[in-house]
All heavy atoms as atom14 arrays in JSON, in Angstrom:
{
  "sequence": "SVIRDPETYDKFERVIVTHTCREAAELDYSKWTVGKMMEHEFLGELAD",
  "atom14_mask": [
    [1, 1, 1, 1, 1, 1, 0, 0, 0, 0, 0, 0, 0, 0],
    [1, 1, 1, 1, 1, 1, 1, 0, 0, 0, 0, 0, 0, 0],
    [1, 1, 1, 1, 1, 1, 1, 1, 0, 0, 0, 0, 0, 0],
    [1, 1, 1, 1, 1, 1, 1, 1, 1, 1, 1, 0, 0, 0],
    [1, 1, 1, 1, 1, 1, 1, 1, 0, 0, 0, 0, 0, 0],
    [1, 1, 1, 1, 1, 1, 1, 0, 0, 0, 0, 0, 0, 0],
    [1, 1, 1, 1, 1, 1, 1, 1, 1, 0, 0, 0, 0, 0],
    [1, 1, 1, 1, 1, 1, 1, 0, 0, 0, 0, 0, 0, 0],
    [1, 1, 1, 1, 1, 1, 1, 1, 1, 1, 1, 1, 0, 0],
    [1, 1, 1, 1, 1, 1, 1, 1, 0, 0, 0, 0, 0, 0],
    [1, 1, 1, 1, 1, 1, 1, 1, 1, 0, 0, 0, 0, 0],
    [1, 1, 1, 1, 1, 1, 1, 1, 1, 1, 1, 0, 0, 0],
    [1, 1, 1, 1, 1, 1, 1, 1, 1, 0, 0, 0, 0, 0],
    [1, 1, 1, 1, 1, 1, 1, 1, 1, 1, 1, 0, 0, 0],
    [1, 1, 1, 1, 1, 1, 1, 0, 0, 0, 0, 0, 0, 0],
    [1, 1, 1, 1, 1, 1, 1, 1, 0, 0, 0, 0, 0, 0],
    [1, 1, 1, 1, 1, 1, 1, 0, 0, 0, 0, 0, 0, 0],
    [1, 1, 1, 1, 1, 1, 1, 0, 0, 0, 0, 0, 0, 0],
    [1, 1, 1, 1, 1, 1, 1, 1, 1, 1, 0, 0, 0, 0],
    [1, 1, 1, 1, 1, 1, 1, 0, 0, 0, 0, 0, 0, 0],
    [1, 1, 1, 1, 1, 1, 0, 0, 0, 0, 0, 0, 0, 0],
    [1, 1, 1, 1, 1, 1, 1, 1, 1, 1, 1, 0, 0, 0],
    [1, 1, 1, 1, 1, 1, 1, 1, 1, 0, 0, 0, 0, 0],
    [1, 1, 1, 1, 1, 0, 0, 0, 0, 0, 0, 0, 0, 0],
    [1, 1, 1, 1, 1, 0, 0, 0, 0, 0, 0, 0, 0, 0],
    [1, 1, 1, 1, 1, 1, 1, 1, 1, 0, 0, 0, 0, 0],
    [1, 1, 1, 1, 1, 1, 1, 1, 0, 0, 0, 0, 0, 0],
    [1, 1, 1, 1, 1, 1, 1, 1, 0, 0, 0, 0, 0, 0],
    [1, 1, 1, 1, 1, 1, 1, 1, 1, 1, 1, 1, 0, 0],
    [1, 1, 1, 1, 1, 1, 0, 0, 0, 0, 0, 0, 0, 0],
    [1, 1, 1, 1, 1, 1, 1, 1, 1, 0, 0, 0, 0, 0],
    [1, 1, 1, 1, 1, 1, 1, 1, 1, 1, 1, 1, 1, 1],
    [1, 1, 1, 1, 1, 1, 1, 0, 0, 0, 0, 0, 0, 0],
    [1, 1, 1, 1, 1, 1, 1, 0, 0, 0, 0, 0, 0, 0],
    [1, 1, 1, 1, 0, 0, 0, 0, 0, 0, 0, 0, 0, 0],
    [1, 1, 1, 1, 1, 1, 1, 1, 1, 0, 0, 0, 0, 0],
    [1, 1, 1, 1, 1, 1, 1, 1, 0, 0, 0, 0, 0, 0],
    [1, 1, 1, 1, 1, 1, 1, 1, 0, 0, 0, 0, 0, 0],
    [1, 1, 1, 1, 1, 1, 1, 1, 1, 0, 0, 0, 0, 0],
    [1, 1, 1, 1, 1, 1, 1, 1, 1, 1, 0, 0, 0, 0],
    [1, 1, 1, 1, 1, 1, 1, 1, 1, 0, 0, 0, 0, 0],
    [1, 1, 1, 1, 1, 1, 1, 1, 1, 1, 1, 0, 0, 0],
    [1, 1, 1, 1, 1, 1, 1, 1, 0, 0, 0, 0, 0, 0],
    [1, 1, 1, 1, 0, 0, 0, 0, 0, 0, 0, 0, 0, 0],
    [1, 1, 1, 1, 1, 1, 1, 1, 1, 0, 0, 0, 0, 0],
    [1, 1, 1, 1, 1, 1, 1, 1, 0, 0, 0, 0, 0, 0],
    [1, 1, 1, 1, 1, 0, 0, 0, 0, 0, 0, 0, 0, 0],
    [1, 1, 1, 1, 1, 1, 1, 1, 0, 0, 0, 0, 0, 0]
  ],
  "atom14_positions": [
    [[141.26, 134.01, 66.94], [141.07, 133.87, 65.49], [142.4, 133.61, 64.79], [142.52, 132.67, 63.99], [140.42, 135.14, 64.94], [140.26, 135.07, 63.54], [0.0, 0.0, 0.0], [0.0, 0.0, 0.0], [0.0, 0.0, 0.0], [0.0, 0.0, 0.0], [0.0, 0.0, 0.0], [0.0, 0.0, 0.0], [0.0, 0.0, 0.0], [0.0, 0.0, 0.0]],
    [[143.4, 134.42, 65.11], [144.7, 134.33, 64.43], [145.37, 132.98, 64.65], [145.92, 132.39, 63.71], [145.63, 135.47, 64.9], [147.04, 135.29, 64.34], [145.06, 136.82, 64.47], [0.0, 0.0, 0.0], [0.0, 0.0, 0.0], [0.0, 0.0, 0.0], [0.0, 0.0, 0.0], [0.0, 0.0, 0.0], [0.0, 0.0, 0.0], [0.0, 0.0, 0.0]],
    [[145.32, 132.45, 65.88], [146.03, 131.19, 66.15], [145.31, 129.99, 65.55], [145.88, 128.9, 65.46], [146.25, 130.94, 67.66], [144.91, 130.75, 68.39], [147.05, 132.08, 68.27], [145.06, 130.33, 69.84], [0.0, 0.0, 0.0], [0.0, 0.0, 0.0], [0.0, 0.0, 0.0], [0.0, 0.0, 0.0], [0.0, 0.0, 0.0], [0.0, 0.0, 0.0]],
    [[144.05, 130.17, 65.1], [143.32, 129.07, 64.46], [143.28, 129.21, 62.94], [142.51, 128.51, 62.27], [141.9, 128.99, 65.05], [141.9, 128.48, 66.48], [140.5, 128.28, 67.01], [139.86, 129.53, 67.43], [138.66, 129.62, 68.0], [137.96, 128.5, 68.19], [138.16, 130.78, 68.36], [0.0, 0.0, 0.0], [0.0, 0.0, 0.0], [0.0, 0.0, 0.0]],
    [[144.1, 130.09, 62.42], [144.18, 130.3, 60.98], [145.4, 129.57, 60.43], [146.54, 129.88, 60.83], [144.29, 131.8, 60.68], [144.16, 132.1, 59.2], [144.45, 131.21, 58.38], [143.78, 133.24, 58.86], [0.0, 0.0, 0.0], [0.0, 0.0, 0.0], [0.0, 0.0, 0.0], [0.0, 0.0, 0.0], [0.0, 0.0, 0.0], [0.0, 0.0, 0.0]],
    [[145.24, 128.6, 59.55], [146.37, 127.86, 59.0], [147.44, 128.77, 58.38], [148.63, 128.45, 58.42], [145.73, 126.97, 57.93], [144.33, 126.76, 58.43], [143.95, 128.08, 59.04], [0.0, 0.0, 0.0], [0.0, 0.0, 0.0], [0.0, 0.0, 0.0], [0.0, 0.0, 0.0], [0.0, 0.0, 0.0], [0.0, 0.0, 0.0], [0.0, 0.0, 0.0]],
    [[147.04, 129.91, 57.83], [147.99, 130.82, 57.2], [149.04, 131.32, 58.2], [150.18, 131.59, 57.84], [147.26, 132.02, 56.58], [148.18, 132.96, 55.8], [147.46, 134.17, 55.24], [146.23, 134.28, 55.44], [148.13, 135.0, 54.6], [0.0, 0.0, 0.0], [0.0, 0.0, 0.0], [0.0, 0.0, 0.0], [0.0, 0.0, 0.0], [0.0, 0.0, 0.0]],
    [[148.64, 131.44, 59.46], [149.57, 131.91, 60.5], [150.78, 130.99, 60.59], [151.91, 131.45, 60.73], [148.85, 131.96, 61.87], [147.71, 132.83, 61.76], [149.78, 132.47, 62.95], [0.0, 0.0, 0.0], [0.0, 0.0, 0.0], [0.0, 0.0, 0.0], [0.0, 0.0, 0.0], [0.0, 0.0, 0.0], [0.0, 0.0, 0.0], [0.0, 0.0, 0.0]],
    [[150.55, 129.7, 60.5], [151.64, 128.73, 60.62], [152.42, 128.56, 59.32], [153.53, 128.04, 59.33], [151.07, 127.4, 61.13], [150.37, 127.59, 62.45], [148.98, 127.76, 62.49], [151.08, 127.69, 63.64], [148.33, 128.0, 63.69], [150.43, 127.92, 64.85], [149.07, 128.09, 64.86], [148.42, 128.34, 66.05], [0.0, 0.0, 0.0], [0.0, 0.0, 0.0]],
    [[151.84, 129.01, 58.23], [152.57, 129.04, 56.97], [153.58, 130.18, 56.97], [154.66, 130.07, 56.39], [151.61, 129.21, 55.78], [150.8, 127.96, 55.5], [151.24, 126.87, 55.91], [149.72, 128.08, 54.89], [0.0, 0.0, 0.0], [0.0, 0.0, 0.0], [0.0, 0.0, 0.0], [0.0, 0.0, 0.0], [0.0, 0.0, 0.0], [0.0, 0.0, 0.0]],
    [[153.22, 131.27, 57.64], [154.04, 132.47, 57.61], [155.08, 132.55, 58.73], [156.07, 133.27, 58.58], [153.14, 133.72, 57.66], [152.34, 133.94, 56.38], [151.71, 135.32, 56.37], [151.11, 135.63, 55.01], [150.57, 137.0, 54.91], [0.0, 0.0, 0.0], [0.0, 0.0, 0.0], [0.0, 0.0, 0.0], [0.0, 0.0, 0.0], [0.0, 0.0, 0.0]],
    [[154.82, 131.85, 59.85], [155.74, 131.96, 60.98], [156.17, 130.6, 61.51], [155.39, 129.65, 61.52], [155.07, 132.76, 62.11], [154.83, 134.2, 61.75], [153.6, 134.61, 61.24], [155.84, 135.15, 61.91], [153.38, 135.93, 60.89], [155.62, 136.47, 61.56], [154.39, 136.87, 61.05], [0.0, 0.0, 0.0], [0.0, 0.0, 0.0], [0.0, 0.0, 0.0]],
    [[157.42, 130.54, 61.97], [157.96, 129.31, 62.53], [157.44, 129.06, 63.94], [157.27, 127.92, 64.36], [159.49, 129.38, 62.55], [160.13, 129.46, 61.17], [161.64, 129.63, 61.24], [162.2, 129.47, 62.35], [162.25, 129.92, 60.21], [0.0, 0.0, 0.0], [0.0, 0.0, 0.0], [0.0, 0.0, 0.0], [0.0, 0.0, 0.0], [0.0, 0.0, 0.0]],
    [[157.21, 130.14, 64.68], [156.69, 130.03, 66.05], [155.63, 131.1, 66.26], [155.75, 132.22, 65.78], [157.81, 130.22, 67.09], [158.95, 129.23, 66.96], [160.01, 129.52, 68.01], [161.22, 128.75, 67.82], [162.21, 129.1, 67.01], [162.13, 130.22, 66.31], [163.28, 128.34, 66.88], [0.0, 0.0, 0.0], [0.0, 0.0, 0.0], [0.0, 0.0, 0.0]],
    [[154.6, 130.74, 67.02], [153.52, 131.67, 67.36], [153.37, 131.65, 68.88], [153.06, 130.61, 69.46], [152.18, 131.25, 66.69], [151.09, 132.23, 67.08], [152.35, 131.19, 65.18], [0.0, 0.0, 0.0], [0.0, 0.0, 0.0], [0.0, 0.0, 0.0], [0.0, 0.0, 0.0], [0.0, 0.0, 0.0], [0.0, 0.0, 0.0], [0.0, 0.0, 0.0]],
    [[153.63, 132.79, 69.51], [153.61, 132.88, 70.96], [152.46, 133.77, 71.38], [152.46, 134.98, 71.13], [154.92, 133.47, 71.53], [156.13, 132.66, 71.05], [154.88, 133.54, 73.04], [156.84, 133.23, 69.83], [0.0, 0.0, 0.0], [0.0, 0.0, 0.0], [0.0, 0.0, 0.0], [0.0, 0.0, 0.0], [0.0, 0.0, 0.0], [0.0, 0.0, 0.0]],
    [[151.44, 133.21, 72.02], [150.3, 134.01, 72.49], [150.39, 134.15, 74.01], [150.52, 133.16, 74.73], [148.95, 133.38, 72.06], [148.78, 131.97, 72.58], [147.8, 134.26, 72.53], [0.0, 0.0, 0.0], [0.0, 0.0, 0.0], [0.0, 0.0, 0.0], [0.0, 0.0, 0.0], [0.0, 0.0, 0.0], [0.0, 0.0, 0.0], [0.0, 0.0, 0.0]],
    [[150.37, 135.38, 74.48], [150.4, 135.63, 75.92], [149.05, 136.19, 76.35], [148.44, 136.98, 75.63], [151.52, 136.62, 76.31], [151.1, 137.97, 76.05], [152.81, 136.32, 75.56], [0.0, 0.0, 0.0], [0.0, 0.0, 0.0], [0.0, 0.0, 0.0], [0.0, 0.0, 0.0], [0.0, 0.0, 0.0], [0.0, 0.0, 0.0], [0.0, 0.0, 0.0]],
    [[148.59, 135.77, 77.52], [147.31, 136.23, 78.04], [147.46, 136.51, 79.53], [147.76, 135.61, 80.31], [146.23, 135.18, 77.8], [144.84, 135.69, 78.03], [143.78, 134.86, 78.31], [144.32, 136.96, 78.0], [142.67, 135.59, 78.45], [142.98, 136.87, 78.26], [0.0, 0.0, 0.0], [0.0, 0.0, 0.0], [0.0, 0.0, 0.0], [0.0, 0.0, 0.0]],
    [[147.26, 137.75, 79.92], [147.36, 138.15, 81.31], [146.0, 138.65, 81.78], [145.36, 139.47, 81.11], [148.39, 139.28, 81.5], [149.68, 138.79, 81.09], [148.47, 139.7, 82.95], [0.0, 0.0, 0.0], [0.0, 0.0, 0.0], [0.0, 0.0, 0.0], [0.0, 0.0, 0.0], [0.0, 0.0, 0.0], [0.0, 0.0, 0.0], [0.0, 0.0, 0.0]],
    [[145.54, 138.13, 82.92], [144.25, 138.53, 83.49], [144.4, 138.8, 84.98], [145.43, 138.5, 85.59], [143.21, 137.41, 83.29], [142.78, 137.12, 81.55], [0.0, 0.0, 0.0], [0.0, 0.0, 0.0], [0.0, 0.0, 0.0], [0.0, 0.0, 0.0], [0.0, 0.0, 0.0], [0.0, 0.0, 0.0], [0.0, 0.0, 0.0], [0.0, 0.0, 0.0]],
    [[143.38, 139.35, 85.57], [143.41, 139.65, 86.99], [143.3, 138.38, 87.82], [144.01, 138.2, 88.81], [142.28, 140.61, 87.36], [142.36, 141.97, 86.69], [141.07, 142.73, 86.85], [139.94, 141.99, 86.29], [138.68, 142.38, 86.36], [138.37, 143.52, 86.97], [137.72, 141.66, 85.82], [0.0, 0.0, 0.0], [0.0, 0.0, 0.0], [0.0, 0.0, 0.0]],
    [[142.39, 137.48, 87.43], [142.15, 136.24, 88.16], [142.29, 135.03, 87.25], [142.09, 135.13, 86.03], [140.74, 136.27, 88.77], [140.52, 137.45, 89.71], [139.07, 137.55, 90.18], [138.24, 136.71, 89.74], [138.77, 138.47, 90.96], [0.0, 0.0, 0.0], [0.0, 0.0, 0.0], [0.0, 0.0, 0.0], [0.0, 0.0, 0.0], [0.0, 0.0, 0.0]],
    [[142.63, 133.9, 87.85], [142.88, 132.68, 87.08], [141.67, 132.25, 86.26], [141.81, 131.78, 85.12], [143.3, 131.55, 88.01], [0.0, 0.0, 0.0], [0.0, 0.0, 0.0], [0.0, 0.0, 0.0], [0.0, 0.0, 0.0], [0.0, 0.0, 0.0], [0.0, 0.0, 0.0], [0.0, 0.0, 0.0], [0.0, 0.0, 0.0], [0.0, 0.0, 0.0]],
    [[140.46, 132.41, 86.79], [139.25, 131.99, 86.07], [139.08, 132.75, 84.76], [138.44, 132.26, 83.83], [138.02, 132.17, 86.96], [0.0, 0.0, 0.0], [0.0, 0.0, 0.0], [0.0, 0.0, 0.0], [0.0, 0.0, 0.0], [0.0, 0.0, 0.0], [0.0, 0.0, 0.0], [0.0, 0.0, 0.0], [0.0, 0.0, 0.0], [0.0, 0.0, 0.0]],
    [[139.65, 133.95, 84.69], [139.51, 134.76, 83.48], [140.37, 134.23, 82.33], [140.25, 134.7, 81.2], [139.87, 136.21, 83.8], [138.91, 136.84, 84.8], [139.32, 138.24, 85.22], [140.46, 138.65, 84.91], [138.52, 138.92, 85.87], [0.0, 0.0, 0.0], [0.0, 0.0, 0.0], [0.0, 0.0, 0.0], [0.0, 0.0, 0.0], [0.0, 0.0, 0.0]],
    [[141.21, 133.25, 82.63], [142.04, 132.62, 81.6], [141.33, 131.43, 80.94], [141.83, 130.87, 79.96], [143.36, 132.12, 82.2], [144.32, 133.16, 82.75], [145.42, 132.46, 83.56], [144.94, 133.99, 81.63], [0.0, 0.0, 0.0], [0.0, 0.0, 0.0], [0.0, 0.0, 0.0], [0.0, 0.0, 0.0], [0.0, 0.0, 0.0], [0.0, 0.0, 0.0]],
    [[140.16, 131.06, 81.47], [139.5, 129.83, 81.01], [139.22, 129.82, 79.51], [139.39, 128.79, 78.85], [138.18, 129.63, 81.77], [138.41, 129.15, 83.2], [139.57, 128.87, 83.55], [137.42, 129.08, 83.97], [0.0, 0.0, 0.0], [0.0, 0.0, 0.0], [0.0, 0.0, 0.0], [0.0, 0.0, 0.0], [0.0, 0.0, 0.0], [0.0, 0.0, 0.0]],
    [[138.79, 130.95, 78.96], [138.47, 130.97, 77.53], [139.72, 130.73, 76.68], [139.68, 129.95, 75.72], [137.82, 132.3, 77.15], [137.55, 132.43, 75.66], [136.55, 131.67, 75.05], [138.3, 133.28, 74.86], [136.31, 131.76, 73.69], [138.06, 133.39, 73.5], [137.06, 132.63, 72.92], [136.84, 132.72, 71.56], [0.0, 0.0, 0.0], [0.0, 0.0, 0.0]],
    [[140.82, 131.39, 77.01], [142.03, 131.21, 76.21], [142.59, 129.79, 76.38], [143.04, 129.18, 75.41], [143.09, 132.25, 76.57], [143.49, 132.16, 77.91], [0.0, 0.0, 0.0], [0.0, 0.0, 0.0], [0.0, 0.0, 0.0], [0.0, 0.0, 0.0], [0.0, 0.0, 0.0], [0.0, 0.0, 0.0], [0.0, 0.0, 0.0], [0.0, 0.0, 0.0]],
    [[142.52, 129.25, 77.59], [142.99, 127.89, 77.82], [142.15, 126.89, 77.01], [142.68, 125.98, 76.38], [142.89, 127.53, 79.3], [143.96, 128.15, 80.19], [143.78, 127.67, 81.62], [144.84, 128.21, 82.53], [144.67, 127.73, 83.92], [0.0, 0.0, 0.0], [0.0, 0.0, 0.0], [0.0, 0.0, 0.0], [0.0, 0.0, 0.0], [0.0, 0.0, 0.0]],
    [[140.84, 127.1, 77.04], [139.94, 126.2, 76.3], [140.2, 126.3, 74.81], [140.26, 125.28, 74.11], [138.48, 126.58, 76.62], [137.48, 125.72, 75.91], [136.97, 124.54, 76.34], [136.88, 125.99, 74.63], [136.09, 124.03, 75.41], [136.0, 124.9, 74.35], [136.99, 127.02, 73.71], [135.25, 124.83, 73.18], [136.24, 126.96, 72.54], [135.38, 125.87, 72.28]],
    [[140.36, 127.51, 74.3], [140.57, 127.72, 72.87], [141.86, 127.05, 72.4], [141.87, 126.35, 71.39], [140.62, 129.22, 72.55], [139.39, 129.84, 72.94], [140.84, 129.45, 71.06], [0.0, 0.0, 0.0], [0.0, 0.0, 0.0], [0.0, 0.0, 0.0], [0.0, 0.0, 0.0], [0.0, 0.0, 0.0], [0.0, 0.0, 0.0], [0.0, 0.0, 0.0]],
    [[142.94, 127.28, 73.13], [144.23, 126.68, 72.77], [144.15, 125.16, 72.87], [144.63, 124.43, 71.99], [145.36, 127.22, 73.66], [146.65, 126.44, 73.42], [145.58, 128.71, 73.4], [0.0, 0.0, 0.0], [0.0, 0.0, 0.0], [0.0, 0.0, 0.0], [0.0, 0.0, 0.0], [0.0, 0.0, 0.0], [0.0, 0.0, 0.0], [0.0, 0.0, 0.0]],
    [[143.53, 124.66, 73.94], [143.43, 123.22, 74.13], [142.63, 122.52, 73.04], [143.06, 121.49, 72.49], [0.0, 0.0, 0.0], [0.0, 0.0, 0.0], [0.0, 0.0, 0.0], [0.0, 0.0, 0.0], [0.0, 0.0, 0.0], [0.0, 0.0, 0.0], [0.0, 0.0, 0.0], [0.0, 0.0, 0.0], [0.0, 0.0, 0.0], [0.0, 0.0, 0.0]],
    [[141.47, 123.1, 72.68], [140.64, 122.5, 71.63], [141.34, 122.55, 70.28], [141.21, 121.63, 69.47], [139.3, 123.24, 71.53], [138.4, 123.04, 72.73], [137.96, 121.59, 72.87], [136.99, 121.18, 71.79], [136.47, 119.79, 71.99], [0.0, 0.0, 0.0], [0.0, 0.0, 0.0], [0.0, 0.0, 0.0], [0.0, 0.0, 0.0], [0.0, 0.0, 0.0]],
    [[142.09, 123.63, 70.05], [142.81, 123.74, 68.79], [143.88, 122.67, 68.67], [144.07, 122.05, 67.62], [143.43, 125.12, 68.65], [143.87, 125.43, 67.22], [145.08, 126.74, 67.15], [146.52, 125.9, 67.72], [0.0, 0.0, 0.0], [0.0, 0.0, 0.0], [0.0, 0.0, 0.0], [0.0, 0.0, 0.0], [0.0, 0.0, 0.0], [0.0, 0.0, 0.0]],
    [[144.6, 122.43, 69.75], [145.66, 121.42, 69.72], [145.11, 120.01, 69.55], [145.8, 119.11, 69.09], [146.51, 121.51, 71.0], [147.26, 122.83, 71.15], [148.29, 123.27, 69.7], [149.5, 121.94, 69.73], [0.0, 0.0, 0.0], [0.0, 0.0, 0.0], [0.0, 0.0, 0.0], [0.0, 0.0, 0.0], [0.0, 0.0, 0.0], [0.0, 0.0, 0.0]],
    [[143.84, 119.82, 69.92], [143.2, 118.52, 69.75], [142.6, 118.35, 68.35], [142.24, 117.24, 67.96], [142.06, 118.36, 70.78], [142.54, 118.32, 72.21], [141.37, 118.34, 73.19], [140.21, 118.39, 72.72], [141.62, 118.33, 74.4], [0.0, 0.0, 0.0], [0.0, 0.0, 0.0], [0.0, 0.0, 0.0], [0.0, 0.0, 0.0], [0.0, 0.0, 0.0]],
    [[142.5, 119.47, 67.62], [141.9, 119.44, 66.28], [142.77, 118.6, 65.33], [144.0, 118.74, 65.31], [141.76, 120.86, 65.76], [140.92, 120.99, 64.53], [141.41, 120.74, 63.27], [139.62, 121.35, 64.37], [140.45, 120.94, 62.39], [139.35, 121.31, 63.02], [0.0, 0.0, 0.0], [0.0, 0.0, 0.0], [0.0, 0.0, 0.0], [0.0, 0.0, 0.0]],
    [[142.13, 117.75, 64.56], [142.86, 116.82, 63.68], [143.81, 117.53, 62.74], [144.94, 117.09, 62.53], [141.86, 115.98, 62.88], [142.53, 114.95, 61.98], [141.51, 114.11, 61.23], [140.3, 114.39, 61.34], [141.93, 113.17, 60.54], [0.0, 0.0, 0.0], [0.0, 0.0, 0.0], [0.0, 0.0, 0.0], [0.0, 0.0, 0.0], [0.0, 0.0, 0.0]],
    [[143.36, 118.64, 62.15], [144.19, 119.35, 61.18], [145.01, 120.46, 61.82], [146.23, 120.52, 61.67], [143.3, 119.92, 60.08], [144.03, 120.78, 59.08], [145.06, 120.25, 58.31], [143.69, 122.12, 58.91], [145.75, 121.04, 57.39], [144.37, 122.91, 58.0], [145.4, 122.37, 57.24], [0.0, 0.0, 0.0], [0.0, 0.0, 0.0], [0.0, 0.0, 0.0]],
    [[144.36, 121.33, 62.59], [145.05, 122.47, 63.2], [146.09, 122.02, 64.22], [147.17, 122.62, 64.33], [144.03, 123.39, 63.89], [143.09, 124.17, 62.98], [142.11, 124.96, 63.82], [143.86, 125.09, 62.06], [0.0, 0.0, 0.0], [0.0, 0.0, 0.0], [0.0, 0.0, 0.0], [0.0, 0.0, 0.0], [0.0, 0.0, 0.0], [0.0, 0.0, 0.0]],
    [[145.77, 120.98, 64.98], [146.71, 120.5, 65.98], [148.04, 120.08, 65.37], [149.11, 120.33, 65.92], [0.0, 0.0, 0.0], [0.0, 0.0, 0.0], [0.0, 0.0, 0.0], [0.0, 0.0, 0.0], [0.0, 0.0, 0.0], [0.0, 0.0, 0.0], [0.0, 0.0, 0.0], [0.0, 0.0, 0.0], [0.0, 0.0, 0.0], [0.0, 0.0, 0.0]],
    [[147.96, 119.46, 64.21], [149.18, 119.03, 63.52], [149.98, 120.24, 63.03], [151.21, 120.26, 63.11], [148.8, 118.14, 62.33], [149.99, 117.53, 61.61], [149.57, 116.57, 60.52], [148.47, 115.98, 60.63], [150.34, 116.4, 59.55], [0.0, 0.0, 0.0], [0.0, 0.0, 0.0], [0.0, 0.0, 0.0], [0.0, 0.0, 0.0], [0.0, 0.0, 0.0]],
    [[149.27, 121.27, 62.54], [149.94, 122.47, 62.06], [150.66, 123.21, 63.19], [151.76, 123.72, 63.03], [148.92, 123.42, 61.42], [148.47, 123.18, 59.99], [147.49, 124.26, 59.58], [149.65, 123.16, 59.03], [0.0, 0.0, 0.0], [0.0, 0.0, 0.0], [0.0, 0.0, 0.0], [0.0, 0.0, 0.0], [0.0, 0.0, 0.0], [0.0, 0.0, 0.0]],
    [[149.98, 123.28, 64.36], [150.49, 124.07, 65.48], [151.47, 123.31, 66.37], [152.17, 123.92, 67.19], [149.33, 124.56, 66.32], [0.0, 0.0, 0.0], [0.0, 0.0, 0.0], [0.0, 0.0, 0.0], [0.0, 0.0, 0.0], [0.0, 0.0, 0.0], [0.0, 0.0, 0.0], [0.0, 0.0, 0.0], [0.0, 0.0, 0.0], [0.0, 0.0, 0.0]],
    [[151.54, 122.01, 66.21], [152.41, 121.19, 67.06], [153.86, 121.65, 66.96], [154.45, 121.68, 65.88], [152.3, 119.72, 66.64], [153.06, 118.8, 67.58], [153.15, 119.12, 68.78], [153.58, 117.77, 67.11], [0.0, 0.0, 0.0], [0.0, 0.0, 0.0], [0.0, 0.0, 0.0], [0.0, 0.0, 0.0], [0.0, 0.0, 0.0], [0.0, 0.0, 0.0]]
  ]
}
């Protein structure tokens, strides 16, 4: 939620999200979320 909020990028110069799981497959949701956000026309530009 936080990394997809435009206000986050207004308030901070860098946003570092770390995700640690037991197995690689458990990272799929965070990878998908970050990837889709970076492809978003508006959010991707903000987070670039």
